[in-house]
Protein backbone atom coordinates (compact mmCIF):
# COMPACT_ATOMS: atom_id res chain seq x y z
CA UNK A 1 -23.31 -2.78 -3.62
CA UNK A 2 -21.98 -3.03 -7.17
CA UNK A 3 -20.18 -5.81 -9.00
CA UNK A 4 -16.45 -5.34 -9.58
CA UNK A 5 -15.84 -8.83 -11.03
CA UNK A 6 -18.27 -10.99 -13.00
CA UNK A 7 -17.24 -14.42 -14.26
CA UNK A 8 -19.57 -16.57 -16.35
CA UNK A 9 -18.79 -20.25 -16.97
CA UNK A 10 -15.12 -19.34 -16.73
CA UNK A 11 -12.60 -22.11 -17.42
CA UNK A 12 -8.84 -22.18 -17.82
CA UNK A 13 -6.73 -25.18 -18.61
CA UNK A 14 -3.06 -25.72 -19.33
CA UNK A 15 -2.72 -28.77 -21.54
CA UNK A 16 -4.50 -31.54 -19.63
CA UNK A 17 -4.45 -29.63 -16.33
CA UNK A 18 -7.73 -27.89 -15.51
CA UNK A 19 -7.02 -24.89 -13.27
CA UNK A 20 -10.56 -23.44 -13.31
CA UNK A 21 -13.66 -25.30 -14.34
CA UNK A 22 -16.94 -23.60 -15.32
CA UNK A 23 -16.74 -20.91 -12.62
CA UNK A 24 -19.58 -18.40 -12.39
CA UNK A 25 -19.21 -15.79 -9.65
CA UNK A 26 -19.98 -12.15 -8.92
CA UNK A 27 -17.74 -10.23 -6.53
CA UNK A 28 -18.97 -6.91 -5.20
CA UNK A 29 -17.33 -3.97 -3.45
CA UNK A 30 -15.85 -4.40 0.02
CA UNK A 31 -13.35 -6.98 1.26
CA UNK A 32 -13.80 -10.46 -0.23
CA UNK A 33 -11.81 -13.52 0.80
CA UNK A 34 -10.80 -15.81 -2.07
CA UNK A 35 -10.25 -19.00 -0.19
CA UNK A 36 -9.03 -22.48 -1.00
CA UNK A 37 -6.08 -24.86 -0.64
CA UNK A 38 -3.03 -24.65 -2.84
CA UNK A 39 -4.05 -25.67 -6.37
CA UNK A 40 -7.68 -24.61 -5.90
CA UNK A 41 -7.44 -22.05 -8.71
CA UNK A 42 -7.07 -18.81 -6.73
CA UNK A 43 -4.00 -17.47 -8.48
CA UNK A 44 -5.36 -18.52 -11.88
CA UNK A 45 -8.56 -16.61 -11.19
CA UNK A 46 -6.60 -13.51 -10.19
CA UNK A 47 -4.42 -13.68 -13.31
CA UNK A 48 -7.51 -14.01 -15.48
CA UNK A 49 -8.95 -10.95 -13.75
CA UNK A 50 -5.67 -9.11 -14.39
CA UNK A 51 -5.80 -10.01 -18.07
CA UNK A 52 -2.58 -12.02 -17.83
CA UNK A 53 -4.36 -15.18 -19.02
CA UNK A 54 -6.93 -15.58 -21.74
CA UNK A 55 -9.93 -17.71 -20.71
CA UNK A 56 -10.03 -21.16 -22.30
CA UNK A 57 -13.82 -20.92 -22.15
CA UNK A 58 -16.38 -18.53 -20.72
CA UNK A 59 -15.84 -14.88 -19.85
CA UNK A 60 -14.69 -12.55 -17.10
CA UNK A 61 -15.50 -8.86 -16.74
CA UNK A 62 -13.67 -6.58 -14.33
CA UNK A 63 -15.03 -3.12 -13.54
CA UNK A 64 -17.53 -3.61 -16.35
CA UNK A 65 -15.24 -4.75 -19.16
CA UNK A 66 -12.92 -7.54 -20.27
CA UNK A 67 -9.46 -7.00 -18.74
CA UNK A 68 -7.50 -8.73 -21.50
CA UNK A 69 -5.31 -6.14 -23.28
CA UNK A 70 -7.55 -3.43 -21.83
CA UNK A 71 -5.21 -0.71 -20.62
CA UNK A 72 -8.02 1.53 -19.38
CA UNK A 73 -9.28 -1.20 -17.03
CA UNK A 74 -5.84 -2.39 -15.93
CA UNK A 75 -4.91 1.16 -14.86
CA UNK A 76 -7.76 0.95 -12.33
CA UNK A 77 -6.44 -2.24 -10.70
CA UNK A 78 -3.79 -2.64 -8.00
CA UNK A 79 -1.99 -5.95 -7.55
CA UNK A 80 0.19 -7.24 -4.73
CA UNK A 81 1.65 -10.62 -5.81
CA UNK A 82 2.50 -13.40 -3.39
CA UNK A 83 6.21 -13.42 -4.26
CA UNK A 84 8.38 -10.34 -4.50
CA UNK A 85 11.12 -9.28 -6.89
CA UNK A 86 12.87 -6.23 -5.48
CA UNK A 87 16.03 -4.40 -6.33
CA UNK A 88 17.36 -4.98 -2.83
CA UNK A 89 19.56 -1.86 -2.69
CA UNK A 90 16.60 0.37 -3.55
CA UNK A 91 14.75 2.13 -0.76
CA UNK A 92 11.05 1.52 -0.29
CA UNK A 93 10.36 5.08 -1.41
CA UNK A 94 12.37 4.63 -4.61
CA UNK A 95 10.60 1.35 -5.40
CA UNK A 96 7.12 2.85 -5.14
CA UNK A 97 8.11 6.13 -6.79
CA UNK A 98 9.59 4.55 -9.90
CA UNK A 99 6.63 2.24 -10.35
CA UNK A 100 4.42 5.34 -10.24
CA UNK A 101 6.60 6.96 -12.89
CA UNK A 102 6.41 3.85 -15.09
CA UNK A 103 2.64 3.94 -14.61
CA UNK A 104 2.68 7.41 -16.18
CA UNK A 105 2.78 9.94 -13.34
CA UNK A 106 4.90 13.05 -13.54
CA UNK A 107 7.59 13.64 -10.93
CA UNK A 108 5.62 15.71 -8.43
CA UNK A 109 2.46 13.58 -8.65
CA UNK A 110 4.54 10.41 -8.24
CA UNK A 111 6.22 11.78 -5.10
CA UNK A 112 2.92 12.77 -3.55
CA UNK A 113 1.28 9.43 -4.41
CA UNK A 114 4.31 7.51 -3.10
CA UNK A 115 4.36 9.28 0.26
CA UNK A 116 0.59 8.97 0.72
CA UNK A 117 0.60 5.25 -0.07
CA UNK A 118 3.58 4.55 2.18
CA UNK A 119 1.93 6.50 5.00
CA UNK A 120 -1.24 4.46 4.54
CA UNK A 121 0.68 1.23 5.16
CA UNK A 122 2.56 2.79 8.11
CA UNK A 123 6.02 2.66 6.55
CA UNK A 124 6.90 6.36 6.51
CA UNK A 125 9.62 6.07 9.16
CA UNK A 126 11.44 3.38 7.13
CA UNK A 127 10.72 4.45 3.57
CA UNK A 128 14.26 5.73 2.92
CA UNK A 129 15.93 2.54 4.20
CA UNK A 130 17.19 -0.09 1.72
CA UNK A 131 14.70 -2.87 1.07
CA UNK A 132 17.29 -5.51 1.99
CA UNK A 133 17.02 -4.22 5.58
CA UNK A 134 13.26 -4.76 5.71
CA UNK A 135 11.56 -7.55 7.61
CA UNK A 136 9.13 -9.81 5.78
CA UNK A 137 6.21 -7.76 7.07
CA UNK A 138 7.79 -4.52 5.85
CA UNK A 139 8.38 -6.02 2.41
CA UNK A 140 4.74 -7.05 2.24
CA UNK A 141 3.57 -3.59 3.24
CA UNK A 142 5.78 -1.83 0.69
CA UNK A 143 4.37 -4.18 -1.98
CA UNK A 144 0.88 -3.13 -0.95
CA UNK A 145 1.97 0.53 -1.04
CA UNK A 146 2.95 0.22 -4.71
CA UNK A 147 -0.45 -1.33 -5.44
CA UNK A 148 -2.22 1.52 -3.65
CA UNK A 149 -0.16 4.39 -5.04
CA UNK A 150 -2.18 4.64 -8.26
CA UNK A 151 -5.44 4.89 -6.25
CA UNK A 152 -7.03 1.77 -7.79
CA UNK A 153 -10.73 0.95 -7.83
CA UNK A 154 -9.92 -2.74 -7.24
CA UNK A 155 -7.07 -4.22 -5.25
CA UNK A 156 -5.82 -7.83 -5.36
CA UNK A 157 -3.75 -9.13 -2.45
CA UNK A 158 -2.39 -12.60 -3.20
CA UNK A 159 -1.49 -14.43 0.05
CA UNK A 160 -0.54 -11.16 1.84
CA UNK A 161 0.06 -12.91 5.19
CA UNK A 162 2.51 -15.44 3.73
CA UNK A 163 5.63 -15.76 5.87
CA UNK A 164 4.65 -13.10 8.39
CA UNK A 165 5.33 -13.46 12.10
CA UNK A 166 2.40 -12.98 14.55
CA UNK A 167 3.01 -9.24 14.88
CA UNK A 168 3.24 -8.84 11.11
CA UNK A 169 -0.03 -10.71 10.67
CA UNK A 170 -1.81 -8.46 13.15
CA UNK A 171 -0.52 -5.40 11.30
CA UNK A 172 -1.68 -6.88 7.98
CA UNK A 173 -5.15 -7.65 9.37
CA UNK A 174 -5.42 -4.06 10.60
CA UNK A 175 -4.28 -2.67 7.25
CA UNK A 176 -6.83 -4.67 5.25
CA UNK A 177 -9.57 -3.59 7.67
CA UNK A 178 -8.54 0.04 7.10
CA UNK A 179 -8.64 -0.40 3.32
CA UNK A 180 -12.13 -1.89 3.52
CA UNK A 181 -13.31 0.94 5.77
CA UNK A 182 -11.92 3.47 3.26
CA UNK A 183 -14.14 2.00 0.54
CA UNK A 184 -11.62 -0.02 -1.44
CA UNK A 185 -12.80 -3.14 -3.26
CA UNK A 186 -10.27 -5.70 -2.02
CA UNK A 187 -9.89 -9.35 -3.01
CA UNK A 188 -7.66 -11.24 -0.56
CA UNK A 189 -6.40 -14.67 -1.57
CA UNK A 190 -5.43 -17.18 1.12
CA UNK A 191 -5.27 -20.91 1.78
CA UNK A 192 -5.47 -20.41 5.56
CA UNK A 193 -9.05 -20.17 6.72
CA UNK A 194 -8.63 -18.38 10.03
CA UNK A 195 -6.73 -15.59 8.26
CA UNK A 196 -9.76 -14.80 6.13
CA UNK A 197 -12.05 -14.97 9.15
CA UNK A 198 -9.96 -12.25 10.79
CA UNK A 199 -10.49 -9.79 7.94
CA UNK A 200 -13.91 -10.52 6.41
CA UNK A 201 -16.90 -12.85 6.61
CA UNK A 202 -17.60 -12.48 2.89
CA UNK A 203 -15.91 -15.39 1.13
CA UNK A 204 -15.65 -17.30 -2.13
CA UNK A 205 -14.65 -20.92 -1.50
CA UNK A 206 -12.71 -22.61 -4.32
CA UNK A 207 -11.73 -26.26 -4.51
CA UNK A 208 -10.19 -28.13 -7.44
CA UNK A 209 -10.95 -25.23 -9.76
CA UNK A 210 -14.66 -25.00 -8.93
CA UNK A 211 -16.65 -22.82 -6.56
CA UNK A 212 -18.03 -24.61 -3.51
CA UNK A 213 -19.89 -21.66 -2.02
CA UNK A 214 -20.06 -17.88 -1.84
CA UNK A 215 -21.47 -15.45 0.70
CA UNK A 216 -21.28 -14.66 4.37
CA UNK A 217 -19.73 -17.38 6.49
CA UNK A 218 -22.82 -17.56 8.71
CA UNK A 219 -25.11 -17.80 5.68
CA UNK A 220 -23.04 -20.60 4.20
CA UNK A 221 -23.13 -22.43 7.51
CA UNK A 222 -26.93 -22.03 7.69
CA UNK A 223 -27.27 -23.63 4.25
CA UNK A 224 -25.82 -26.88 5.57
CA UNK A 225 -27.65 -27.11 8.87
CA UNK A 226 -28.58 -30.68 8.05
CA UNK A 227 -24.97 -31.36 8.97
CA UNK A 228 -24.79 -31.95 12.75
CA UNK A 229 -23.26 -29.25 14.94
CA UNK A 230 -20.50 -30.43 17.25
CA UNK A 231 -20.60 -28.85 20.71
CA UNK A 232 -17.84 -29.52 23.24
CA UNK A 233 -18.67 -29.04 26.92
CA UNK A 234 -16.13 -29.08 29.76
CA UNK A 235 -17.64 -29.89 33.13
CA UNK A 236 -16.89 -31.31 36.57
CA UNK A 237 -19.67 -33.88 35.97
CA UNK A 238 -19.48 -34.99 32.33
CA UNK A 239 -21.37 -38.23 33.00
CA UNK A 240 -24.47 -36.33 34.17
CA UNK A 241 -24.42 -34.22 31.03
CA UNK A 242 -23.90 -37.28 28.85
CA UNK A 243 -26.84 -39.11 30.48
CA UNK A 244 -29.06 -36.07 30.00
CA UNK A 245 -28.37 -35.80 26.27
CA UNK A 246 -28.39 -39.52 25.50
CA UNK A 247 -32.13 -39.44 26.17
CA UNK A 248 -32.69 -36.43 23.89
CA UNK A 249 -34.16 -37.27 20.49
CA UNK A 250 -32.42 -34.29 18.83
CA UNK A 251 -29.01 -35.57 19.87
CA UNK A 252 -27.27 -37.88 17.43
CA UNK A 253 -24.03 -38.76 19.23
CA UNK A 254 -22.71 -38.20 22.76
CA UNK A 255 -19.11 -38.88 23.73
CA UNK A 256 -17.24 -38.01 26.91
CA UNK A 257 -13.71 -38.33 28.24
CA UNK A 258 -11.37 -36.49 30.60
CA UNK A 259 -13.95 -34.01 31.83
CA UNK A 260 -15.29 -33.13 28.38
CA UNK A 261 -18.54 -34.09 26.68
CA UNK A 262 -18.90 -33.89 22.89
CA UNK A 263 -22.47 -33.57 21.65
CA UNK A 264 -23.48 -33.81 18.00
CA UNK A 265 -26.92 -32.36 17.44
CA UNK A 266 -29.12 -31.08 14.63
CA UNK A 267 -30.60 -28.41 16.93
CA UNK A 268 -27.78 -26.45 18.58
CA UNK A 269 -30.08 -23.78 20.04
CA UNK A 270 -32.08 -26.41 21.92
CA UNK A 271 -28.81 -27.97 23.10
CA UNK A 272 -27.62 -24.65 24.53
CA UNK A 273 -30.97 -24.15 26.25
CA UNK A 274 -30.80 -27.56 27.89
CA UNK A 275 -27.28 -26.87 29.12
CA UNK A 276 -28.54 -23.65 30.69
CA UNK A 277 -31.39 -25.58 32.33
CA UNK A 278 -28.94 -28.10 33.78
CA UNK A 279 -26.88 -25.32 35.31
CA UNK A 280 -29.93 -23.60 36.79
CA UNK A 281 -31.93 -26.62 37.94
CA UNK A 282 -29.31 -29.27 38.74
CA UNK A 283 -26.36 -27.16 39.76
CA UNK A 284 -24.05 -28.82 37.24
CA UNK A 285 -20.85 -26.82 36.90
CA UNK A 286 -19.82 -26.12 33.31
CA UNK A 287 -16.37 -24.70 32.62
CA UNK A 288 -16.77 -23.96 28.92
CA UNK A 289 -19.02 -24.48 25.90
CA UNK A 290 -17.60 -24.37 22.39
CA UNK A 291 -19.23 -25.06 19.05
CA UNK A 292 -16.15 -26.38 17.35
CA UNK A 293 -17.65 -26.54 13.86
CA UNK A 294 -19.32 -23.12 13.75
CA UNK A 295 -16.39 -21.65 11.83
CA UNK A 296 -15.04 -21.45 8.31
CA UNK A 297 -12.73 -24.44 8.70
CA UNK A 298 -15.67 -26.68 9.57
CA UNK A 299 -17.73 -25.33 6.67
CA UNK A 300 -14.88 -25.96 4.26
CA UNK A 301 -14.21 -29.46 5.62
CA UNK A 302 -17.88 -30.37 5.31
CA UNK A 303 -18.22 -29.04 1.75
CA UNK A 304 -15.14 -30.92 0.54
CA UNK A 305 -16.08 -34.29 2.02
C-alpha cells in the first residue's frame, strides 16, 4: 500500500465559514469512501486535492507533491464532478474525444483512449447517440469515461450515485468495483452511508469539517465497543427471551413488543451464544436475529452524538 493523498493539519475557510478544520489524513491506493453529510467538507477536500483551492493553513500532497498549479500532478488525476455541464447535442464519444484532445492527445491516441474508456464504463453501444438522449445513469458513466480516458493514477468520483435509479446504482457499484480490481486509486464521495458500504469498507468519516474516524468499518466499530450493541430478535415467544436476558448481567436494556425483543448488550458474542442455547435447550423458535447497529450508519450516528 502506498499513500496517494497526504494532508497535514489542513484547513480551509471562506470568510467566517470554516469548511475544513485541522484535517490530517493519509489515503492509500484502492477504493476509499469519503463520507459525511452535506456540508461536512467533502467537496472542499476534493477541490484542495485538485489544486482548485489554496489551503488556508496546513498542507496537502497528492501523488507525492503539492497539486496547486502543478500541471505534472494534475495530469495524473481524473475527476468526475457531482454536477454535469454537457453540450447536449454532442455525442458521448465526441465529449470524451475532445476532452482528450484538450488534454494534449493527438487524434489517433485520443480516439483509442476514448473508445477504451467508454467500453470500460459499458457505453459503447450508445456512444454515438446525443447526450440529451442519455438517462441519468448514462450521463454519469460518460462523465466517468472522460475521467478515465487519460489513464489517471488517482480518480475522484464526487457523489457518483446522485440521482440514479436502482438499476443505475447497481451498475455504478459494479463499475467502481471493477475500477478497484483493476488497481485504480479511487476516492468516492457520498453522503449516503449504505452506498459506500456497497463499494468499500475503507472509509474516511468527515463531519463539520473535521475527521471523525478512518479505516475499515469493522475496525472503527471495534474501537467503540464500549457503546452497547443493539440486537433485535423476532420470536414466537418474546417474553421468554426477555425474561432470560433481564437476568443477565451483561445485558443493559431489554425491550419487547409485537413479537420482537430488542437487547442492548456490551457483549454481543455472548448474547448470540445464549440465543443459540435457548433454541437448543428450550425449543424457543426464533424467526430472525439482526444486529441493527453493526453497520456504518450506526457508527456514524454514535460518533456524531
